N, C-alpha and C. Protein backbone atom coordinates (compact mmCIF):
# COMPACT_ATOMS: atom_id res chain seq x y z
N MET A 1 11.33 -13.59 20.85
CA MET A 1 11.05 -12.64 20.20
C MET A 1 9.51 -12.08 19.53
N ALA A 2 8.82 -11.62 20.57
CA ALA A 2 7.40 -10.79 19.19
C ALA A 2 7.33 -10.45 18.44
N GLU A 3 6.45 -11.15 17.59
CA GLU A 3 5.85 -10.47 16.10
C GLU A 3 4.66 -10.00 16.21
N LEU A 4 4.49 -9.25 15.02
CA LEU A 4 2.74 -9.21 14.52
C LEU A 4 1.87 -10.24 13.87
N GLU A 5 0.93 -10.00 13.77
CA GLU A 5 -0.03 -10.60 13.47
C GLU A 5 -0.16 -10.49 12.15
N VAL A 6 -0.62 -10.88 10.91
CA VAL A 6 -1.04 -9.63 9.99
C VAL A 6 -1.61 -10.69 9.23
N ASP A 7 -2.92 -10.36 9.35
CA ASP A 7 -3.52 -10.30 7.46
C ASP A 7 -4.34 -9.47 5.90
N ILE A 8 -4.49 -9.87 5.63
CA ILE A 8 -4.10 -9.27 4.21
C ILE A 8 -5.37 -9.54 3.24
N VAL A 9 -6.44 -9.06 3.56
CA VAL A 9 -7.34 -9.56 2.07
C VAL A 9 -7.90 -8.71 1.18
N ALA A 10 -8.29 -9.19 0.49
CA ALA A 10 -8.89 -8.44 -0.79
C ALA A 10 -10.44 -8.97 -0.74
N PRO A 11 -11.37 -7.96 -1.84
CA PRO A 11 -12.84 -8.93 -2.38
C PRO A 11 -12.68 -10.01 -2.57
N ASP A 12 -12.17 -10.71 -2.67
CA ASP A 12 -11.74 -12.58 -3.84
C ASP A 12 -10.94 -12.80 -2.48
N GLY A 13 -10.83 -12.42 -1.50
CA GLY A 13 -10.24 -13.18 -0.09
C GLY A 13 -9.14 -13.10 -0.03
N LYS A 14 -8.98 -14.07 1.41
CA LYS A 14 -7.54 -13.19 1.60
C LYS A 14 -6.17 -13.60 0.68
N ILE A 15 -5.03 -12.44 0.63
CA ILE A 15 -4.08 -12.94 0.36
C ILE A 15 -2.70 -13.04 1.32
N TRP A 16 -2.95 -13.14 2.27
CA TRP A 16 -1.42 -13.84 3.25
C TRP A 16 -1.69 -13.23 4.41
N SER A 17 -1.64 -14.54 4.85
CA SER A 17 -1.52 -14.01 6.22
C SER A 17 -0.45 -15.22 7.08
N GLY A 18 0.10 -14.20 8.68
CA GLY A 18 1.19 -14.96 8.82
C GLY A 18 1.92 -14.33 9.94
N THR A 19 2.92 -13.61 10.27
CA THR A 19 3.81 -13.49 11.41
C THR A 19 5.32 -12.73 10.73
N ALA A 20 5.07 -10.97 11.29
CA ALA A 20 6.34 -10.98 11.34
C ALA A 20 6.88 -9.82 11.76
N LYS A 21 7.74 -8.44 10.81
CA LYS A 21 8.30 -8.37 12.04
C LYS A 21 8.21 -6.84 11.98
N GLN A 22 8.00 -6.40 11.01
CA GLN A 22 7.15 -4.99 9.84
C GLN A 22 6.76 -5.04 8.88
N VAL A 23 5.03 -3.90 8.69
CA VAL A 23 4.55 -4.16 8.10
C VAL A 23 4.67 -2.09 7.55
N SER A 24 4.21 -2.05 6.48
CA SER A 24 5.06 -1.23 5.79
C SER A 24 3.88 -0.55 4.88
N ALA A 25 2.91 0.36 4.69
CA ALA A 25 1.83 0.63 3.46
C ALA A 25 1.50 2.16 4.09
N PRO A 26 1.48 2.32 2.29
CA PRO A 26 0.63 3.72 1.94
C PRO A 26 -0.50 4.12 2.27
N ALA A 27 -0.04 4.98 3.95
CA ALA A 27 -1.18 5.25 3.91
C ALA A 27 -1.80 6.85 3.70
N ALA A 28 -2.91 7.11 3.80
CA ALA A 28 -3.25 7.99 3.07
C ALA A 28 -2.91 9.41 2.67
N ASP A 29 -2.13 9.77 4.59
CA ASP A 29 -1.57 11.20 4.35
C ASP A 29 0.49 10.56 4.18
N GLY A 30 0.41 9.07 4.31
CA GLY A 30 1.87 9.24 4.00
C GLY A 30 2.65 8.44 4.53
N GLU A 31 3.69 7.92 4.37
CA GLU A 31 4.22 6.32 4.67
C GLU A 31 3.50 5.84 6.08
N VAL A 32 3.56 4.53 6.24
CA VAL A 32 2.91 4.58 8.17
C VAL A 32 3.76 3.16 8.35
N GLY A 33 5.03 2.67 9.01
CA GLY A 33 5.50 2.27 9.40
C GLY A 33 5.49 1.59 11.06
N ILE A 34 5.01 0.19 11.00
CA ILE A 34 3.73 -0.68 12.71
C ILE A 34 5.11 -2.19 12.36
N ARG A 35 5.70 -1.87 13.64
CA ARG A 35 5.98 -3.15 14.85
C ARG A 35 6.23 -2.97 16.12
N VAL A 36 6.23 -4.20 17.32
CA VAL A 36 5.16 -4.77 17.04
C VAL A 36 5.38 -3.66 18.19
N GLY A 37 4.18 -3.58 19.16
CA GLY A 37 3.91 -2.45 20.48
C GLY A 37 3.43 -1.12 19.66
N HIS A 38 2.70 -1.47 18.85
CA HIS A 38 2.05 0.03 17.91
C HIS A 38 1.15 0.13 18.37
N THR A 39 0.97 1.42 18.72
CA THR A 39 -0.81 2.00 20.02
C THR A 39 -1.37 1.44 18.47
N PRO A 40 -3.11 1.86 19.32
CA PRO A 40 -3.72 1.31 18.06
C PRO A 40 -4.25 2.47 17.42
N MET A 41 -3.93 2.13 15.74
CA MET A 41 -4.49 3.19 14.63
C MET A 41 -5.67 2.43 13.70
N LEU A 42 -6.30 2.87 13.00
CA LEU A 42 -6.80 2.69 11.78
C LEU A 42 -6.61 3.94 10.64
N SER A 43 -5.84 3.26 9.20
CA SER A 43 -5.87 4.34 8.74
C SER A 43 -6.59 3.99 7.53
N VAL A 44 -7.21 4.75 5.81
CA VAL A 44 -7.29 5.11 4.85
C VAL A 44 -6.09 4.76 4.28
N LEU A 45 -6.14 3.45 3.19
CA LEU A 45 -4.50 3.56 2.47
C LEU A 45 -4.99 4.05 0.83
N ARG A 46 -3.65 4.55 0.23
CA ARG A 46 -3.59 5.33 -1.19
C ARG A 46 -2.96 3.85 -1.92
N ARG A 47 -2.99 4.63 -3.30
CA ARG A 47 -1.68 3.42 -4.17
C ARG A 47 -0.57 3.60 -3.38
N GLY A 48 -0.62 2.29 -3.75
CA GLY A 48 1.66 2.22 -3.27
C GLY A 48 2.03 1.11 -2.74
N GLU A 49 2.81 0.87 -2.44
CA GLU A 49 3.24 -1.23 -2.24
C GLU A 49 3.11 -1.05 -0.65
N LEU A 50 2.83 -2.07 -1.11
CA LEU A 50 2.42 -2.71 1.21
C LEU A 50 3.65 -3.68 1.05
N ARG A 51 4.30 -3.45 1.65
CA ARG A 51 5.65 -4.66 2.47
C ARG A 51 5.30 -4.81 3.47
N VAL A 52 5.78 -6.09 3.83
CA VAL A 52 5.77 -7.26 5.05
C VAL A 52 7.60 -8.02 4.59
N ALA A 53 8.09 -6.97 6.56
CA ALA A 53 9.07 -8.11 6.59
C ALA A 53 8.82 -9.08 7.36
N VAL A 54 8.86 -10.33 6.51
CA VAL A 54 8.14 -12.04 8.35
C VAL A 54 10.83 -12.10 8.15
N SER A 55 10.83 -13.58 9.58
CA SER A 55 11.40 -13.39 9.62
C SER A 55 12.57 -14.18 8.54
N GLY A 56 13.46 -14.48 9.28
CA GLY A 56 14.75 -14.19 7.83
C GLY A 56 14.84 -13.00 6.86
N GLY A 57 15.04 -12.21 6.79
CA GLY A 57 15.19 -10.85 6.16
C GLY A 57 14.52 -10.78 4.84
N GLN A 58 13.07 -11.63 5.04
CA GLN A 58 12.54 -12.00 3.49
C GLN A 58 11.54 -10.81 3.67
N MET A 59 11.53 -10.69 2.24
CA MET A 59 10.13 -8.99 1.70
C MET A 59 9.43 -9.34 0.76
N LEU A 60 8.02 -9.63 1.58
CA LEU A 60 7.00 -9.38 1.17
C LEU A 60 5.98 -7.89 0.54
N ARG A 61 5.60 -8.17 -0.94
CA ARG A 61 5.31 -6.97 -1.27
C ARG A 61 4.28 -7.09 -2.59
N TRP A 62 3.43 -5.75 -2.49
CA TRP A 62 2.73 -6.27 -3.58
C TRP A 62 1.97 -4.30 -3.57
N VAL A 63 1.20 -4.17 -5.22
CA VAL A 63 0.99 -2.78 -4.94
C VAL A 63 -0.24 -2.73 -5.19
N VAL A 64 -1.16 -1.88 -4.18
CA VAL A 64 -2.63 -1.82 -3.58
C VAL A 64 -2.73 -0.79 -3.99
N GLU A 65 -4.43 -0.41 -4.56
CA GLU A 65 -5.22 0.34 -4.62
C GLU A 65 -6.61 0.80 -3.44
N GLY A 66 -6.04 1.39 -2.11
CA GLY A 66 -6.73 1.97 -1.09
C GLY A 66 -7.30 1.10 -0.86
N GLY A 67 -7.84 0.83 0.48
CA GLY A 67 -8.72 0.28 1.12
C GLY A 67 -8.09 1.14 2.79
N PHE A 68 -7.65 -0.21 3.56
CA PHE A 68 -7.89 0.35 5.12
C PHE A 68 -6.78 -0.70 6.30
N LEU A 69 -5.75 0.23 6.71
CA LEU A 69 -4.70 -1.03 7.88
C LEU A 69 -5.62 -0.34 9.22
N SER A 70 -5.54 -1.53 9.63
CA SER A 70 -6.38 -2.04 11.32
C SER A 70 -5.14 -1.98 12.25
N VAL A 71 -4.63 -1.27 13.37
CA VAL A 71 -3.71 -2.13 14.74
C VAL A 71 -4.06 -2.03 15.73
N ASP A 72 -4.28 -3.70 16.15
CA ASP A 72 -4.92 -3.52 17.21
C ASP A 72 -3.81 -4.24 18.77
N SER A 73 -2.90 -4.67 19.60
CA SER A 73 -3.03 -5.04 20.10
C SER A 73 -1.52 -6.39 18.73
N ASP A 74 -1.33 -5.60 18.79
CA ASP A 74 0.18 -6.25 17.84
C ASP A 74 -1.07 -7.62 16.33
N GLN A 75 -2.28 -7.13 16.54
CA GLN A 75 -3.20 -7.62 15.79
C GLN A 75 -2.24 -6.93 14.01
N VAL A 76 -2.19 -6.93 13.34
CA VAL A 76 -1.93 -6.18 12.37
C VAL A 76 -3.33 -6.36 11.14
N THR A 77 -4.43 -5.57 9.54
CA THR A 77 -5.20 -6.65 9.71
C THR A 77 -5.75 -5.75 8.49
N VAL A 78 -5.33 -6.02 6.87
CA VAL A 78 -5.36 -4.62 5.35
C VAL A 78 -6.04 -6.01 4.99
N VAL A 79 -6.66 -4.14 4.75
CA VAL A 79 -8.00 -5.03 3.59
C VAL A 79 -7.90 -3.65 2.02
N VAL A 80 -7.22 -4.43 1.46
CA VAL A 80 -7.44 -3.26 0.13
C VAL A 80 -8.44 -3.67 -0.69
N ASP A 81 -8.85 -2.57 -1.42
CA ASP A 81 -9.69 -3.08 -2.54
C ASP A 81 -9.43 -3.84 -4.22
N SER A 82 -7.93 -3.92 -3.86
CA SER A 82 -7.29 -4.15 -5.13
C SER A 82 -5.92 -4.59 -5.14
N VAL A 83 -5.98 -5.66 -5.30
CA VAL A 83 -4.43 -5.22 -4.93
C VAL A 83 -3.33 -6.16 -6.48
N GLU A 84 -1.36 -6.02 -6.59
CA GLU A 84 -1.18 -7.33 -7.61
C GLU A 84 0.49 -7.69 -6.59
N GLN A 85 1.25 -8.64 -6.99
CA GLN A 85 2.30 -8.98 -6.14
C GLN A 85 3.18 -8.40 -7.30
N VAL A 86 3.63 -7.10 -6.97
CA VAL A 86 5.44 -6.98 -7.43
C VAL A 86 5.69 -7.60 -8.05
N SER A 87 5.83 -7.99 -9.83
CA SER A 87 7.16 -9.11 -9.78
C SER A 87 8.22 -8.81 -9.64
N GLY A 88 8.74 -10.20 -9.20
CA GLY A 88 10.04 -10.29 -8.46
C GLY A 88 9.77 -10.42 -7.04
N ALA A 89 9.60 -9.87 -6.50
CA ALA A 89 8.91 -9.77 -5.24
C ALA A 89 8.85 -11.56 -4.33
N THR A 90 9.83 -11.38 -4.02
CA THR A 90 9.61 -13.06 -2.68
C THR A 90 8.01 -12.66 -2.73
N HIS A 91 7.64 -14.66 -2.44
CA HIS A 91 6.10 -14.43 -2.09
C HIS A 91 6.24 -15.21 -1.01
N ALA A 92 5.61 -15.71 -0.09
CA ALA A 92 5.97 -17.31 1.27
C ALA A 92 4.12 -17.22 0.52
N PRO A 93 3.84 -18.36 0.94
CA PRO A 93 2.46 -19.13 1.08
C PRO A 93 1.81 -19.03 2.13
N THR A 94 0.36 -18.80 1.88
CA THR A 94 -0.07 -18.21 3.05
C THR A 94 -0.51 -19.07 4.32
N SER A 95 -0.13 -19.00 5.79
CA SER A 95 -0.14 -19.89 6.91
C SER A 95 -0.73 -19.48 7.74
N HIS A 96 -1.49 -19.84 8.77
CA HIS A 96 -2.47 -19.99 10.31
C HIS A 96 -3.56 -21.25 9.46
């Protein structure tokens, strides 16, 4: 099954990189959900929760403070101004 290739980066370096089934992000004009086959897009992010659904039903979550999200050919790049992991959220180690 095809998956998204996701990179999440902050000013001080990479936060997480890996494959995912879905990414949900707080776009400036509302919540956006990205799945395999999504049309290319570029969106500004507002403060809110970034969620990445990985294989096995695991959900990774962070609170982000602005930035942007880019989608092209099932590659999702999220660049955030600042980020903190949601307490109690499952966090997988960086891969790739």
